[in-house]
C-alpha atoms as a PDB file:
ATOM      1  CA  MET A   1     123.889 137.572  -1.530  1.00  0.00           C
ATOM      2  CA  THR A   2     125.186 133.990  -1.893  1.00  0.00           C
ATOM      3  CA  LYS A   3     128.450 135.455  -3.229  1.00  0.00           C
ATOM      4  CA  ILE A   4     128.969 137.052   0.177  1.00  0.00           C
ATOM      5  CA  PHE A   5     127.869 134.181   2.419  1.00  0.00           C
ATOM      6  CA  ARG A   6     129.416 131.281   0.501  1.00  0.00           C
ATOM      7  CA  PRO A   7     133.077 132.190   1.283  1.00  0.00           C
ATOM      8  CA  VAL A   8     132.161 132.939   4.892  1.00  0.00           C
ATOM      9  CA  ILE A   9     130.463 129.553   5.342  1.00  0.00           C
ATOM     10  CA  VAL A  10     133.302 127.691   3.600  1.00  0.00           C
ATOM     11  CA  LEU A  11     135.909 129.488   5.743  1.00  0.00           C
ATOM     12  CA  PHE A  12     133.898 128.828   8.900  1.00  0.00           C
ATOM     13  CA  ALA A  13     133.588 125.112   8.057  1.00  0.00           C
ATOM     14  CA  ALA A  14     137.291 124.810   7.167  1.00  0.00           C
ATOM     15  CA  LEU A  15     138.423 126.531  10.367  1.00  0.00           C
ATOM     16  CA  THR A  16     136.004 124.425  12.430  1.00  0.00           C
ATOM     17  CA  VAL A  17     137.457 121.223  10.999  1.00  0.00           C
ATOM     18  CA  MET A  18     141.045 122.473  11.397  1.00  0.00           C
ATOM     19  CA  THR A  19     140.761 123.785  14.953  1.00  0.00           C
ATOM     20  CA  GLY A  20     138.030 121.479  16.234  1.00  0.00           C
ATOM     21  CA  VAL A  21     139.128 118.148  14.733  1.00  0.00           C
ATOM     22  CA  VAL A  22     142.554 118.108  13.057  1.00  0.00           C
ATOM     23  CA  TYR A  23     144.467 120.149  15.650  1.00  0.00           C
ATOM     24  CA  PRO A  24     143.169 118.207  18.721  1.00  0.00           C
ATOM     25  CA  VAL A  25     143.834 114.864  16.998  1.00  0.00           C
ATOM     26  CA  VAL A  26     147.406 115.871  16.098  1.00  0.00           C
ATOM     27  CA  VAL A  27     148.151 117.253  19.568  1.00  0.00           C
ATOM     28  CA  THR A  28     146.716 114.132  21.238  1.00  0.00           C
ATOM     29  CA  ALA A  29     148.732 111.830  18.957  1.00  0.00           C
ATOM     30  CA  VAL A  30     151.971 113.733  19.618  1.00  0.00           C
ATOM     31  CA  ALA A  31     151.299 113.758  23.373  1.00  0.00           C
ATOM     32  CA  HIS A  32     150.694 110.000  23.446  1.00  0.00           C
ATOM     33  CA  ALA A  33     153.804 109.350  21.348  1.00  0.00           C
ATOM     34  CA  ALA A  34     156.182 111.698  23.161  1.00  0.00           C
ATOM     35  CA  PHE A  35     154.731 111.766  26.690  1.00  0.00           C
ATOM     36  CA  ALA A  36     152.752 108.538  27.056  1.00  0.00           C
ATOM     37  CA  SER A  37     152.783 108.432  30.865  1.00  0.00           C
ATOM     38  CA  GLN A  38     151.743 112.057  31.328  1.00  0.00           C
ATOM     39  CA  ALA A  39     149.105 111.865  28.578  1.00  0.00           C
ATOM     40  CA  ASN A  40     147.541 108.923  30.407  1.00  0.00           C
ATOM     41  CA  GLY A  41     147.359 110.621  33.796  1.00  0.00           C
ATOM     42  CA  SER A  42     150.806 109.729  35.235  1.00  0.00           C
ATOM     43  CA  LEU A  43     149.331 106.525  36.618  1.00  0.00           C
ATOM     44  CA  ILE A  44     151.324 104.325  38.974  1.00  0.00           C
ATOM     45  CA  GLU A  45     150.751 100.605  38.579  1.00  0.00           C
ATOM     46  CA  LYS A  46     151.324  97.744  40.980  1.00  0.00           C
ATOM     47  CA  ASN A  47     151.005  94.170  39.711  1.00  0.00           C
ATOM     48  CA  GLY A  48     149.686  95.523  36.409  1.00  0.00           C
ATOM     49  CA  LYS A  49     146.832  97.460  38.009  1.00  0.00           C
ATOM     50  CA  PRO A  50     146.681 101.225  38.494  1.00  0.00           C
ATOM     51  CA  VAL A  51     146.843 102.215  42.179  1.00  0.00           C
ATOM     52  CA  GLY A  52     146.816 105.963  41.731  1.00  0.00           C
ATOM     53  CA  SER A  53     148.344 108.918  39.969  1.00  0.00           C
ATOM     54  CA  GLU A  54     151.594 110.497  41.024  1.00  0.00           C
ATOM     55  CA  LEU A  55     149.848 113.849  40.532  1.00  0.00           C
ATOM     56  CA  LEU A  56     146.954 113.331  42.980  1.00  0.00           C
ATOM     57  CA  GLY A  57     147.079 112.858  46.721  1.00  0.00           C
ATOM     58  CA  GLN A  58     145.397 109.900  48.374  1.00  0.00           C
ATOM     59  CA  GLN A  59     144.213 109.335  51.908  1.00  0.00           C
ATOM     60  CA  PHE A  60     146.606 107.391  54.119  1.00  0.00           C
ATOM     61  CA  ASP A  61     145.813 107.342  57.826  1.00  0.00           C
ATOM     62  CA  ALA A  62     147.118 104.002  59.096  1.00  0.00           C
ATOM     63  CA  PRO A  63     150.146 104.317  61.404  1.00  0.00           C
ATOM     64  CA  GLY A  64     152.284 102.182  59.072  1.00  0.00           C
ATOM     65  CA  TYR A  65     152.001 104.648  56.203  1.00  0.00           C
ATOM     66  CA  PHE A  66     153.256 108.151  55.586  1.00  0.00           C
ATOM     67  CA  TRP A  67     150.434 110.672  55.644  1.00  0.00           C
ATOM     68  CA  GLY A  68     150.059 113.402  53.057  1.00  0.00           C
ATOM     69  CA  ARG A  69     148.612 116.859  53.282  1.00  0.00           C
ATOM     70  CA  ILE A  70     145.023 117.352  54.420  1.00  0.00           C
ATOM     71  CA  SER A  71     142.498 117.322  51.586  1.00  0.00           C
ATOM     72  CA  ALA A  72     140.333 120.418  51.270  1.00  0.00           C
ATOM     73  CA  THR A  73     137.886 118.720  48.911  1.00  0.00           C
ATOM     74  CA  SER A  74     134.396 118.150  50.202  1.00  0.00           C
ATOM     75  CA  PRO A  75     132.200 116.349  50.898  1.00  0.00           C
ATOM     76  CA  ASN A  76     134.629 113.484  50.156  1.00  0.00           C
ATOM     77  CA  PRO A  77     138.339 113.916  50.907  1.00  0.00           C
ATOM     78  CA  TYR A  78     140.785 113.536  47.995  1.00  0.00           C
ATOM     79  CA  ASN A  79     137.999 113.763  45.417  1.00  0.00           C
ATOM     80  CA  PRO A  80     139.554 115.177  42.215  1.00  0.00           C
ATOM     81  CA  GLN A  81     136.139 116.184  40.876  1.00  0.00           C
ATOM     82  CA  SER A  82     135.772 118.805  43.592  1.00  0.00           C
ATOM     83  CA  SER A  83     139.338 120.068  43.645  1.00  0.00           C
ATOM     84  CA  GLY A  84     139.781 123.418  45.299  1.00  0.00           C
ATOM     85  CA  ALA A  85     141.066 125.197  48.324  1.00  0.00           C
ATOM     86  CA  SER A  86     139.082 125.617  51.512  1.00  0.00           C
ATOM     87  CA  ASN A  87     139.499 129.413  51.311  1.00  0.00           C
ATOM     88  CA  LEU A  88     139.688 129.562  55.092  1.00  0.00           C
ATOM     89  CA  GLY A  89     141.634 132.610  56.235  1.00  0.00           C
ATOM     90  CA  PRO A  90     144.031 132.695  59.184  1.00  0.00           C
ATOM     91  CA  THR A  91     141.398 134.238  61.462  1.00  0.00           C
ATOM     92  CA  ASN A  92     138.714 131.700  60.580  1.00  0.00           C
ATOM     93  CA  PRO A  93     137.930 129.417  63.556  1.00  0.00           C
ATOM     94  CA  ALA A  94     137.215 126.514  61.168  1.00  0.00           C
ATOM     95  CA  LEU A  95     140.841 126.613  59.977  1.00  0.00           C
ATOM     96  CA  ALA A  96     142.089 126.640  63.566  1.00  0.00           C
ATOM     97  CA  ASP A  97     139.833 123.660  64.384  1.00  0.00           C
ATOM     98  CA  GLU A  98     141.093 121.775  61.312  1.00  0.00           C
ATOM     99  CA  VAL A  99     144.723 122.367  62.295  1.00  0.00           C
ATOM    100  CA  LYS A 100     144.073 121.392  65.942  1.00  0.00           C
ATOM    101  CA  GLY A 101     142.346 118.199  64.788  1.00  0.00           C
ATOM    102  CA  ARG A 102     145.279 117.226  62.590  1.00  0.00           C
ATOM    103  CA  ILE A 103     147.793 118.013  65.347  1.00  0.00           C
ATOM    104  CA  SER A 104     145.771 115.839  67.711  1.00  0.00           C
ATOM    105  CA  ALA A 105     145.679 112.977  65.160  1.00  0.00           C
ATOM    106  CA  LEU A 106     149.454 113.214  64.671  1.00  0.00           C
ATOM    107  CA  HIS A 107     150.078 113.198  68.434  1.00  0.00           C
ATOM    108  CA  ASP A 108     147.660 110.286  68.964  1.00  0.00           C
ATOM    109  CA  ALA A 109     149.419 108.263  66.248  1.00  0.00           C
ATOM    110  CA  ASP A 110     152.885 108.937  67.713  1.00  0.00           C
ATOM    111  CA  PRO A 111     152.633 110.211  71.316  1.00  0.00           C
ATOM    112  CA  THR A 112     156.393 110.049  71.937  1.00  0.00           C
ATOM    113  CA  ASN A 113     157.224 112.405  69.055  1.00  0.00           C
ATOM    114  CA  THR A 114     157.932 115.840  70.530  1.00  0.00           C
ATOM    115  CA  ALA A 115     159.461 117.388  67.389  1.00  0.00           C
ATOM    116  CA  PRO A 116     157.794 120.452  65.912  1.00  0.00           C
ATOM    117  CA  ILE A 117     155.146 119.432  63.385  1.00  0.00           C
ATOM    118  CA  PRO A 118     155.880 120.673  59.851  1.00  0.00           C
ATOM    119  CA  VAL A 119     153.192 123.048  58.616  1.00  0.00           C
ATOM    120  CA  ASP A 120     152.387 120.993  55.516  1.00  0.00           C
ATOM    121  CA  LEU A 121     151.133 118.141  57.705  1.00  0.00           C
ATOM    122  CA  VAL A 122     148.462 120.336  59.312  1.00  0.00           C
ATOM    123  CA  THR A 123     147.334 122.522  56.403  1.00  0.00           C
ATOM    124  CA  SER A 124     145.748 121.729  53.055  1.00  0.00           C
ATOM    125  CA  SER A 125     147.144 122.751  49.697  1.00  0.00           C
ATOM    126  CA  GLY A 126     145.519 125.088  47.200  1.00  0.00           C
ATOM    127  CA  SER A 127     144.049 122.204  45.212  1.00  0.00           C
ATOM    128  CA  GLY A 128     143.300 120.008  48.211  1.00  0.00           C
ATOM    129  CA  LEU A 129     144.912 117.130  46.318  1.00  0.00           C
ATOM    130  CA  ASP A 130     148.640 117.703  46.821  1.00  0.00           C
ATOM    131  CA  PRO A 131     150.478 114.384  46.296  1.00  0.00           C
ATOM    132  CA  GLU A 132     153.702 115.542  47.933  1.00  0.00           C
ATOM    133  CA  ILE A 133     155.007 116.567  51.333  1.00  0.00           C
ATOM    134  CA  SER A 134     158.219 118.241  52.385  1.00  0.00           C
ATOM    135  CA  PRO A 135     161.222 116.145  53.446  1.00  0.00           C
ATOM    136  CA  ALA A 136     160.696 117.590  56.950  1.00  0.00           C
ATOM    137  CA  ALA A 137     157.112 116.254  57.001  1.00  0.00           C
ATOM    138  CA  ALA A 138     158.357 112.822  55.916  1.00  0.00           C
ATOM    139  CA  ALA A 139     161.160 112.897  58.512  1.00  0.00           C
ATOM    140  CA  TYR A 140     158.631 113.756  61.234  1.00  0.00           C
ATOM    141  CA  GLN A 141     156.766 110.512  60.484  1.00  0.00           C
ATOM    142  CA  ILE A 142     159.738 108.108  60.189  1.00  0.00           C
ATOM    143  CA  ASP A 143     159.653 106.846  63.794  1.00  0.00           C
ATOM    144  CA  ARG A 144     155.898 106.179  63.744  1.00  0.00           C
ATOM    145  CA  VAL A 145     156.097 104.281  60.452  1.00  0.00           C
ATOM    146  CA  ALA A 146     159.204 102.341  61.534  1.00  0.00           C
ATOM    147  CA  LYS A 147     157.538 101.254  64.802  1.00  0.00           C
ATOM    148  CA  ALA A 148     154.302 100.240  63.070  1.00  0.00           C
ATOM    149  CA  ARG A 149     156.168  98.200  60.459  1.00  0.00           C
ATOM    150  CA  LYS A 150     158.807  96.877  62.881  1.00  0.00           C
ATOM    151  CA  LEU A 151     161.592  98.339  60.756  1.00  0.00           C
ATOM    152  CA  SER A 152     164.669 100.254  61.804  1.00  0.00           C
ATOM    153  CA  HIS A 153     164.644 104.032  61.722  1.00  0.00           C
ATOM    154  CA  ASN A 154     167.616 103.923  59.320  1.00  0.00           C
ATOM    155  CA  ASP A 155     165.822 101.641  56.829  1.00  0.00           C
ATOM    156  CA  VAL A 156     162.789 103.915  56.668  1.00  0.00           C
ATOM    157  CA  ASP A 157     164.982 107.022  56.543  1.00  0.00           C
ATOM    158  CA  ALA A 158     166.873 105.526  53.577  1.00  0.00           C
ATOM    159  CA  LEU A 159     163.549 105.008  51.787  1.00  0.00           C
ATOM    160  CA  VAL A 160     162.600 108.640  52.416  1.00  0.00           C
ATOM    161  CA  GLN A 161     165.978 109.810  51.087  1.00  0.00           C
ATOM    162  CA  ARG A 162     165.535 107.762  47.895  1.00  0.00           C
ATOM    163  CA  ALA A 163     161.981 109.069  47.443  1.00  0.00           C
ATOM    164  CA  THR A 164     162.982 112.717  47.873  1.00  0.00           C
ATOM    165  CA  SER A 165     163.035 114.776  44.674  1.00  0.00           C
ATOM    166  CA  GLY A 166     165.117 117.929  44.584  1.00  0.00           C
ATOM    167  CA  ARG A 167     164.216 121.276  43.106  1.00  0.00           C
ATOM    168  CA  GLN A 168     163.128 121.180  39.487  1.00  0.00           C
ATOM    169  CA  PHE A 169     166.091 122.065  37.258  1.00  0.00           C
ATOM    170  CA  GLY A 170     168.008 122.659  40.491  1.00  0.00           C
ATOM    171  CA  ILE A 171     166.381 126.055  41.121  1.00  0.00           C
ATOM    172  CA  LEU A 172     162.573 125.855  40.954  1.00  0.00           C
ATOM    173  CA  GLY A 173     160.358 124.920  43.882  1.00  0.00           C
ATOM    174  CA  GLU A 174     161.433 122.992  46.945  1.00  0.00           C
ATOM    175  CA  ALA A 175     162.533 119.448  47.674  1.00  0.00           C
ATOM    176  CA  ARG A 176     159.537 117.133  47.979  1.00  0.00           C
ATOM    177  CA  VAL A 177     158.468 113.554  48.642  1.00  0.00           C
ATOM    178  CA  ASN A 178     155.652 111.858  46.707  1.00  0.00           C
ATOM    179  CA  VAL A 179     153.565 110.118  49.386  1.00  0.00           C
ATOM    180  CA  LEU A 180     152.059 107.421  47.158  1.00  0.00           C
ATOM    181  CA  LYS A 181     155.436 106.422  45.694  1.00  0.00           C
ATOM    182  CA  LEU A 182     156.996 106.376  49.170  1.00  0.00           C
ATOM    183  CA  ASN A 183     154.208 104.197  50.591  1.00  0.00           C
ATOM    184  CA  LEU A 184     154.439 101.781  47.661  1.00  0.00           C
ATOM    185  CA  ALA A 185     158.202 101.501  48.199  1.00  0.00           C
ATOM    186  CA  LEU A 186     157.495 100.882  51.892  1.00  0.00           C
ATOM    187  CA  ASP A 187     155.082  98.070  50.990  1.00  0.00           C
ATOM    188  CA  GLU A 188     157.759  96.506  48.786  1.00  0.00           C
ATOM    189  CA  LEU A 189     160.259  96.650  51.646  1.00  0.00           C
ATOM    190  CA  LYS A 190     157.835  95.202  54.200  1.00  0.00           C
ATOM    191  CA  PRO A 191     154.071  94.916  53.663  1.00  0.00           C
ATOM    192  CA  ALA A 192     151.845  96.496  56.298  1.00  0.00           C
ATOM    193  CA  SER A 193     150.424  94.007  58.781  1.00  0.00           C
END
């Protein structure tokens, strides 16, 4: 009987060590060596301290900052531990109320802006933590941010242009603007008062 179980136990132990210890250690070491930033959460630092991750949205609601997409996480907005979509369908009154509330907040923050509001400013993403907005959503907010910071429209527009990333490999996805990076660049140009 031990002749049968001994090889099974030895094989089980060897595979456990290989797949449960050696493989994860090697993959982690290679990731840290080759992709240090990504392996550490793609953190963005300011003055040597982490201020966020370029992969997770944060809440910005002051007039002098660009606003990102609505967070669908609950009970706390932009909580990565409860990432997920709201699952509200187009006929759900709660979705309509959420969109109306965001439209109202955008109009209250910039009452003179009569441009159509880009859809990504009034809807949440699938994860509820989207760190990026479309160039159209950033352009919609330029006047409000410029007025709040007492900057020219052209200066803020130039920042948006520099912060805009094109399609990945030139063909995948859409152009996008990372809100945290844009707001940090804005603070470098002229700190919020």
